[in-house]
Amino acid sequence: MSQQLTNFLSQLATDNDLVDAFKNDKAGTMKQHDISDEHIDLVVNKKYDEIQNILGANYSIANNDIIKAYKN
């Protein structure tokens, strides 16, 4: 599990300011939160299965317009 990616996607579920920043510049916002280029690619290209594998069984993702993680 990537703690940075997990924390970032979880924060997207609750932080409207982060959602706005993410909508305006997905890669830039993720870089500011120390997300690796590999994980940025997964999110930007909506590779849901790979993201779920990284998050693990304790998290579910909402794969709408913006991917958000929720703790099970």
PDB file of N, CA and C in Angstrom:
ATOM      1  N   MET A   1       0.846  -1.182   0.000  1.00  0.00           N
ATOM      2  CA  MET A   1       0.000   0.000   0.000  1.00  0.00           C
ATOM      3  C   MET A   1       0.887   1.239   0.000  1.00  0.00           C
ATOM      4  N   SER A   2       0.499   2.221  -0.750  1.00  0.00           N
ATOM      5  CA  SER A   2       1.181   3.510  -0.753  1.00  0.00           C
ATOM      6  C   SER A   2       0.434   4.453   0.187  1.00  0.00           C
ATOM      7  N   GLN A   3       1.057   4.778   1.292  1.00  0.00           N
ATOM      8  CA  GLN A   3       0.381   5.623   2.271  1.00  0.00           C
ATOM      9  C   GLN A   3       0.078   7.007   1.705  1.00  0.00           C
ATOM     10  N   GLN A   4       0.990   7.564   0.890  1.00  0.00           N
ATOM     11  CA  GLN A   4       0.742   8.892   0.325  1.00  0.00           C
ATOM     12  C   GLN A   4      -0.487   8.873  -0.588  1.00  0.00           C
ATOM     13  N   LEU A   5      -0.564   7.864  -1.453  1.00  0.00           N
ATOM     14  CA  LEU A   5      -1.715   7.784  -2.363  1.00  0.00           C
ATOM     15  C   LEU A   5      -2.998   7.547  -1.577  1.00  0.00           C
ATOM     16  N   THR A   6      -2.947   6.658  -0.609  1.00  0.00           N
ATOM     17  CA  THR A   6      -4.121   6.374   0.217  1.00  0.00           C
ATOM     18  C   THR A   6      -4.597   7.636   0.933  1.00  0.00           C
ATOM     19  N   ASN A   7      -3.674   8.341   1.550  1.00  0.00           N
ATOM     20  CA  ASN A   7      -4.037   9.572   2.259  1.00  0.00           C
ATOM     21  C   ASN A   7      -4.618  10.611   1.305  1.00  0.00           C
ATOM     22  N   PHE A   8      -3.999  10.761   0.142  1.00  0.00           N
ATOM     23  CA  PHE A   8      -4.461  11.759  -0.823  1.00  0.00           C
ATOM     24  C   PHE A   8      -5.877  11.445  -1.296  1.00  0.00           C
ATOM     25  N   LEU A   9      -6.113  10.203  -1.720  1.00  0.00           N
ATOM     26  CA  LEU A   9      -7.441   9.842  -2.220  1.00  0.00           C
ATOM     27  C   LEU A   9      -8.496   9.898  -1.128  1.00  0.00           C
ATOM     28  N   SER A  10      -8.101   9.578   0.099  1.00  0.00           N
ATOM     29  CA  SER A  10      -9.032   9.700   1.231  1.00  0.00           C
ATOM     30  C   SER A  10      -9.361  11.160   1.501  1.00  0.00           C
ATOM     31  N   GLN A  11      -8.361  12.015   1.400  1.00  0.00           N
ATOM     32  CA  GLN A  11      -8.582  13.444   1.635  1.00  0.00           C
ATOM     33  C   GLN A  11      -9.496  14.034   0.561  1.00  0.00           C
ATOM     34  N   LEU A  12      -9.414  13.514  -0.661  1.00  0.00           N
ATOM     35  CA  LEU A  12     -10.316  13.986  -1.724  1.00  0.00           C
ATOM     36  C   LEU A  12     -11.785  13.749  -1.367  1.00  0.00           C
ATOM     37  N   ALA A  13     -12.037  12.765  -0.524  1.00  0.00           N
ATOM     38  CA  ALA A  13     -13.418  12.447  -0.138  1.00  0.00           C
ATOM     39  C   ALA A  13     -13.998  13.469   0.821  1.00  0.00           C
ATOM     40  N   THR A  14     -13.144  14.296   1.447  1.00  0.00           N
ATOM     41  CA  THR A  14     -13.640  15.203   2.484  1.00  0.00           C
ATOM     42  C   THR A  14     -13.214  16.659   2.335  1.00  0.00           C
ATOM     43  N   ASP A  15     -12.257  16.941   1.477  1.00  0.00           N
ATOM     44  CA  ASP A  15     -11.666  18.281   1.387  1.00  0.00           C
ATOM     45  C   ASP A  15     -12.033  18.940   0.057  1.00  0.00           C
ATOM     46  N   ASN A  16     -13.028  19.818   0.095  1.00  0.00           N
ATOM     47  CA  ASN A  16     -13.507  20.461  -1.140  1.00  0.00           C
ATOM     48  C   ASN A  16     -12.460  21.356  -1.792  1.00  0.00           C
ATOM     49  N   ASP A  17     -11.607  21.991  -0.988  1.00  0.00           N
ATOM     50  CA  ASP A  17     -10.540  22.813  -1.560  1.00  0.00           C
ATOM     51  C   ASP A  17      -9.560  21.946  -2.341  1.00  0.00           C
ATOM     52  N   LEU A  18      -9.257  20.774  -1.813  1.00  0.00           N
ATOM     53  CA  LEU A  18      -8.366  19.850  -2.520  1.00  0.00           C
ATOM     54  C   LEU A  18      -9.030  19.360  -3.800  1.00  0.00           C
ATOM     55  N   VAL A  19     -10.309  19.079  -3.744  1.00  0.00           N
ATOM     56  CA  VAL A  19     -11.041  18.657  -4.943  1.00  0.00           C
ATOM     57  C   VAL A  19     -10.956  19.739  -6.021  1.00  0.00           C
ATOM     58  N   ASP A  20     -11.152  20.989  -5.645  1.00  0.00           N
ATOM     59  CA  ASP A  20     -11.071  22.085  -6.613  1.00  0.00           C
ATOM     60  C   ASP A  20      -9.683  22.179  -7.228  1.00  0.00           C
ATOM     61  N   ALA A  21      -8.659  22.085  -6.389  1.00  0.00           N
ATOM     62  CA  ALA A  21      -7.280  22.138  -6.895  1.00  0.00           C
ATOM     63  C   ALA A  21      -7.021  20.962  -7.832  1.00  0.00           C
ATOM     64  N   PHE A  22      -7.491  19.796  -7.448  1.00  0.00           N
ATOM     65  CA  PHE A  22      -7.304  18.590  -8.244  1.00  0.00           C
ATOM     66  C   PHE A  22      -7.995  18.707  -9.600  1.00  0.00           C
ATOM     67  N   LYS A  23      -9.194  19.250  -9.610  1.00  0.00           N
ATOM     68  CA  LYS A  23      -9.912  19.436 -10.875  1.00  0.00           C
ATOM     69  C   LYS A  23      -9.152  20.365 -11.810  1.00  0.00           C
ATOM     70  N   ASN A  24      -8.504  21.383 -11.252  1.00  0.00           N
ATOM     71  CA  ASN A  24      -7.776  22.358 -12.066  1.00  0.00           C
ATOM     72  C   ASN A  24      -6.431  21.842 -12.552  1.00  0.00           C
ATOM     73  N   ASP A  25      -5.772  20.989 -11.767  1.00  0.00           N
ATOM     74  CA  ASP A  25      -4.437  20.499 -12.132  1.00  0.00           C
ATOM     75  C   ASP A  25      -4.174  19.191 -11.393  1.00  0.00           C
ATOM     76  N   LYS A  26      -4.643  18.093 -11.986  1.00  0.00           N
ATOM     77  CA  LYS A  26      -4.528  16.798 -11.320  1.00  0.00           C
ATOM     78  C   LYS A  26      -3.080  16.458 -10.979  1.00  0.00           C
ATOM     79  N   ALA A  27      -2.217  16.438 -11.970  1.00  0.00           N
ATOM     80  CA  ALA A  27      -0.828  16.026 -11.751  1.00  0.00           C
ATOM     81  C   ALA A  27      -0.108  16.977 -10.805  1.00  0.00           C
ATOM     82  N   GLY A  28      -0.287  18.261 -10.992  1.00  0.00           N
ATOM     83  CA  GLY A  28       0.381  19.242 -10.144  1.00  0.00           C
ATOM     84  C   GLY A  28      -0.044  19.137  -8.689  1.00  0.00           C
ATOM     85  N   THR A  29      -1.329  18.945  -8.473  1.00  0.00           N
ATOM     86  CA  THR A  29      -1.839  18.820  -7.108  1.00  0.00           C
ATOM     87  C   THR A  29      -1.296  17.553  -6.456  1.00  0.00           C
ATOM     88  N   MET A  30      -1.246  16.479  -7.220  1.00  0.00           N
ATOM     89  CA  MET A  30      -0.732  15.230  -6.668  1.00  0.00           C
ATOM     90  C   MET A  30       0.762  15.331  -6.368  1.00  0.00           C
ATOM     91  N   LYS A  31       1.510  16.002  -7.227  1.00  0.00           N
ATOM     92  CA  LYS A  31       2.945  16.201  -6.976  1.00  0.00           C
ATOM     93  C   LYS A  31       3.160  16.990  -5.692  1.00  0.00           C
ATOM     94  N   GLN A  32       2.319  17.985  -5.439  1.00  0.00           N
ATOM     95  CA  GLN A  32       2.428  18.781  -4.212  1.00  0.00           C
ATOM     96  C   GLN A  32       2.212  17.920  -2.965  1.00  0.00           C
ATOM     97  N   HIS A  33       1.547  16.787  -3.136  1.00  0.00           N
ATOM     98  CA  HIS A  33       1.271  15.880  -2.016  1.00  0.00           C
ATOM     99  C   HIS A  33       2.193  14.656  -2.047  1.00  0.00           C
ATOM    100  N   ASP A  34       3.315  14.789  -2.751  1.00  0.00           N
ATOM    101  CA  ASP A  34       4.351  13.748  -2.794  1.00  0.00           C
ATOM    102  C   ASP A  34       3.873  12.412  -3.351  1.00  0.00           C
ATOM    103  N   ILE A  35       2.972  12.471  -4.331  1.00  0.00           N
ATOM    104  CA  ILE A  35       2.522  11.257  -5.007  1.00  0.00           C
ATOM    105  C   ILE A  35       3.514  10.954  -6.127  1.00  0.00           C
ATOM    106  N   SER A  36       3.917   9.696  -6.247  1.00  0.00           N
ATOM    107  CA  SER A  36       4.899   9.305  -7.256  1.00  0.00           C
ATOM    108  C   SER A  36       4.324   9.468  -8.663  1.00  0.00           C
ATOM    109  N   ASP A  37       5.216   9.624  -9.621  1.00  0.00           N
ATOM    110  CA  ASP A  37       4.786   9.745 -11.023  1.00  0.00           C
ATOM    111  C   ASP A  37       4.004   8.511 -11.468  1.00  0.00           C
ATOM    112  N   GLU A  38       4.410   7.350 -11.003  1.00  0.00           N
ATOM    113  CA  GLU A  38       3.711   6.110 -11.343  1.00  0.00           C
ATOM    114  C   GLU A  38       2.268   6.149 -10.847  1.00  0.00           C
ATOM    115  N   HIS A  39       2.069   6.607  -9.629  1.00  0.00           N
ATOM    116  CA  HIS A  39       0.718   6.658  -9.063  1.00  0.00           C
ATOM    117  C   HIS A  39      -0.095   7.790  -9.674  1.00  0.00           C
ATOM    118  N   ILE A  40       0.546   8.890 -10.017  1.00  0.00           N
ATOM    119  CA  ILE A  40      -0.147   9.972 -10.727  1.00  0.00           C
ATOM    120  C   ILE A  40      -0.709   9.435 -12.035  1.00  0.00           C
ATOM    121  N   ASP A  41       0.100   8.668 -12.755  1.00  0.00           N
ATOM    122  CA  ASP A  41      -0.344   8.082 -14.025  1.00  0.00           C
ATOM    123  C   ASP A  41      -1.568   7.195 -13.823  1.00  0.00           C
ATOM    124  N   LEU A  42      -1.560   6.392 -12.771  1.00  0.00           N
ATOM    125  CA  LEU A  42      -2.699   5.508 -12.507  1.00  0.00           C
ATOM    126  C   LEU A  42      -3.980   6.302 -12.280  1.00  0.00           C
ATOM    127  N   VAL A  43      -3.881   7.377 -11.510  1.00  0.00           N
ATOM    128  CA  VAL A  43      -5.067   8.180 -11.187  1.00  0.00           C
ATOM    129  C   VAL A  43      -5.533   8.973 -12.405  1.00  0.00           C
ATOM    130  N   VAL A  44      -4.616   9.638 -13.065  1.00  0.00           N
ATOM    131  CA  VAL A  44      -4.978  10.459 -14.224  1.00  0.00           C
ATOM    132  C   VAL A  44      -5.620   9.601 -15.319  1.00  0.00           C
ATOM    133  N   ASN A  45      -5.112   8.382 -15.492  1.00  0.00           N
ATOM    134  CA  ASN A  45      -5.629   7.490 -16.528  1.00  0.00           C
ATOM    135  C   ASN A  45      -6.702   6.538 -16.013  1.00  0.00           C
ATOM    136  N   LYS A  46      -7.144   6.772 -14.770  1.00  0.00           N
ATOM    137  CA  LYS A  46      -8.257   6.041 -14.158  1.00  0.00           C
ATOM    138  C   LYS A  46      -8.109   4.529 -14.262  1.00  0.00           C
ATOM    139  N   LYS A  47      -6.961   4.036 -13.812  1.00  0.00           N
ATOM    140  CA  LYS A  47      -6.697   2.602 -13.794  1.00  0.00           C
ATOM    141  C   LYS A  47      -7.180   2.051 -12.450  1.00  0.00           C
ATOM    142  N   TYR A  48      -8.507   1.889 -12.372  1.00  0.00           N
ATOM    143  CA  TYR A  48      -9.177   1.583 -11.121  1.00  0.00           C
ATOM    144  C   TYR A  48      -8.673   0.300 -10.462  1.00  0.00           C
ATOM    145  N   ASP A  49      -8.512  -0.756 -11.226  1.00  0.00           N
ATOM    146  CA  ASP A  49      -8.081  -2.027 -10.641  1.00  0.00           C
ATOM    147  C   ASP A  49      -6.702  -1.900 -10.003  1.00  0.00           C
ATOM    148  N   GLU A  50      -5.793  -1.229 -10.684  1.00  0.00           N
ATOM    149  CA  GLU A  50      -4.445  -1.056 -10.146  1.00  0.00           C
ATOM    150  C   GLU A  50      -4.459  -0.166  -8.903  1.00  0.00           C
ATOM    151  N   ILE A  51      -5.292   0.862  -8.914  1.00  0.00           N
ATOM    152  CA  ILE A  51      -5.417   1.740  -7.741  1.00  0.00           C
ATOM    153  C   ILE A  51      -5.970   0.953  -6.572  1.00  0.00           C
ATOM    154  N   GLN A  52      -6.994   0.148  -6.807  1.00  0.00           N
ATOM    155  CA  GLN A  52      -7.585  -0.664  -5.741  1.00  0.00           C
ATOM    156  C   GLN A  52      -6.558  -1.626  -5.167  1.00  0.00           C
ATOM    157  N   ASN A  53      -5.732  -2.222  -6.012  1.00  0.00           N
ATOM    158  CA  ASN A  53      -4.686  -3.124  -5.538  1.00  0.00           C
ATOM    159  C   ASN A  53      -3.709  -2.400  -4.622  1.00  0.00           C
ATOM    160  N   ILE A  54      -3.392  -1.168  -4.942  1.00  0.00           N
ATOM    161  CA  ILE A  54      -2.468  -0.382  -4.122  1.00  0.00           C
ATOM    162  C   ILE A  54      -3.114  -0.044  -2.782  1.00  0.00           C
ATOM    163  N   LEU A  55      -4.380   0.336  -2.804  1.00  0.00           N
ATOM    164  CA  LEU A  55      -5.073   0.731  -1.572  1.00  0.00           C
ATOM    165  C   LEU A  55      -5.312  -0.454  -0.651  1.00  0.00           C
ATOM    166  N   GLY A  56      -5.554  -1.612  -1.207  1.00  0.00           N
ATOM    167  CA  GLY A  56      -5.795  -2.802  -0.411  1.00  0.00           C
ATOM    168  C   GLY A  56      -7.258  -2.978  -0.055  1.00  0.00           C
ATOM    169  N   ALA A  57      -7.529  -4.059   0.645  1.00  0.00           N
ATOM    170  CA  ALA A  57      -8.903  -4.464   0.954  1.00  0.00           C
ATOM    171  C   ALA A  57      -9.586  -3.570   1.978  1.00  0.00           C
ATOM    172  N   ASN A  58      -8.822  -2.778   2.718  1.00  0.00           N
ATOM    173  CA  ASN A  58      -9.425  -1.918   3.738  1.00  0.00           C
ATOM    174  C   ASN A  58     -10.056  -0.659   3.156  1.00  0.00           C
ATOM    175  N   TYR A  59      -9.906  -0.443   1.855  1.00  0.00           N
ATOM    176  CA  TYR A  59     -10.431   0.762   1.223  1.00  0.00           C
ATOM    177  C   TYR A  59     -11.256   0.414  -0.004  1.00  0.00           C
ATOM    178  N   SER A  60     -12.268   1.199  -0.231  1.00  0.00           N
ATOM    179  CA  SER A  60     -13.056   1.143  -1.459  1.00  0.00           C
ATOM    180  C   SER A  60     -12.862   2.463  -2.171  1.00  0.00           C
ATOM    181  N   ILE A  61     -12.991   2.441  -3.475  1.00  0.00           N
ATOM    182  CA  ILE A  61     -12.869   3.694  -4.217  1.00  0.00           C
ATOM    183  C   ILE A  61     -14.173   4.013  -4.919  1.00  0.00           C
ATOM    184  N   ALA A  62     -14.447   5.305  -5.003  1.00  0.00           N
ATOM    185  CA  ALA A  62     -15.550   5.804  -5.817  1.00  0.00           C
ATOM    186  C   ALA A  62     -14.914   6.224  -7.127  1.00  0.00           C
ATOM    187  N   ASN A  63     -15.326   5.608  -8.187  1.00  0.00           N
ATOM    188  CA  ASN A  63     -14.685   5.881  -9.473  1.00  0.00           C
ATOM    189  C   ASN A  63     -15.577   6.724 -10.373  1.00  0.00           C
ATOM    190  N   ASN A  64     -15.988   7.842  -9.811  1.00  0.00           N
ATOM    191  CA  ASN A  64     -16.774   8.797 -10.567  1.00  0.00           C
ATOM    192  C   ASN A  64     -15.824   9.722 -11.313  1.00  0.00           C
ATOM    193  N   ASP A  65     -16.178  10.959 -11.458  1.00  0.00           N
ATOM    194  CA  ASP A  65     -15.327  11.943 -12.117  1.00  0.00           C
ATOM    195  C   ASP A  65     -13.988  12.064 -11.405  1.00  0.00           C
ATOM    196  N   ILE A  66     -14.028  11.977 -10.085  1.00  0.00           N
ATOM    197  CA  ILE A  66     -12.814  12.074  -9.269  1.00  0.00           C
ATOM    198  C   ILE A  66     -12.733  10.810  -8.422  1.00  0.00           C
ATOM    199  N   ILE A  67     -11.580  10.151  -8.459  1.00  0.00           N
ATOM    200  CA  ILE A  67     -11.382   8.940  -7.672  1.00  0.00           C
ATOM    201  C   ILE A  67     -11.173   9.327  -6.214  1.00  0.00           C
ATOM    202  N   LYS A  68     -11.974   8.753  -5.343  1.00  0.00           N
ATOM    203  CA  LYS A  68     -11.881   9.018  -3.908  1.00  0.00           C
ATOM    204  C   LYS A  68     -11.819   7.690  -3.177  1.00  0.00           C
ATOM    205  N   ALA A  69     -11.079   7.637  -2.087  1.00  0.00           N
ATOM    206  CA  ALA A  69     -10.965   6.407  -1.303  1.00  0.00           C
ATOM    207  C   ALA A  69     -11.744   6.539  -0.005  1.00  0.00           C
ATOM    208  N   TYR A  70     -12.395   5.466   0.360  1.00  0.00           N
ATOM    209  CA  TYR A  70     -13.162   5.403   1.596  1.00  0.00           C
ATOM    210  C   TYR A  70     -12.738   4.170   2.372  1.00  0.00           C
ATOM    211  N   LYS A  71     -12.466   4.327   3.658  1.00  0.00           N
ATOM    212  CA  LYS A  71     -12.075   3.206   4.503  1.00  0.00           C
ATOM    213  C   LYS A  71     -13.303   2.327   4.736  1.00  0.00           C
ATOM    214  N   ASN A  72     -13.117   1.031   4.573  1.00  0.00           N
ATOM    215  CA  ASN A  72     -14.212   0.063   4.789  1.00  0.00           C
ATOM    216  C   ASN A  72     -14.487  -0.137   6.243  1.00  0.00           C
TER     217      ASN A  72
END
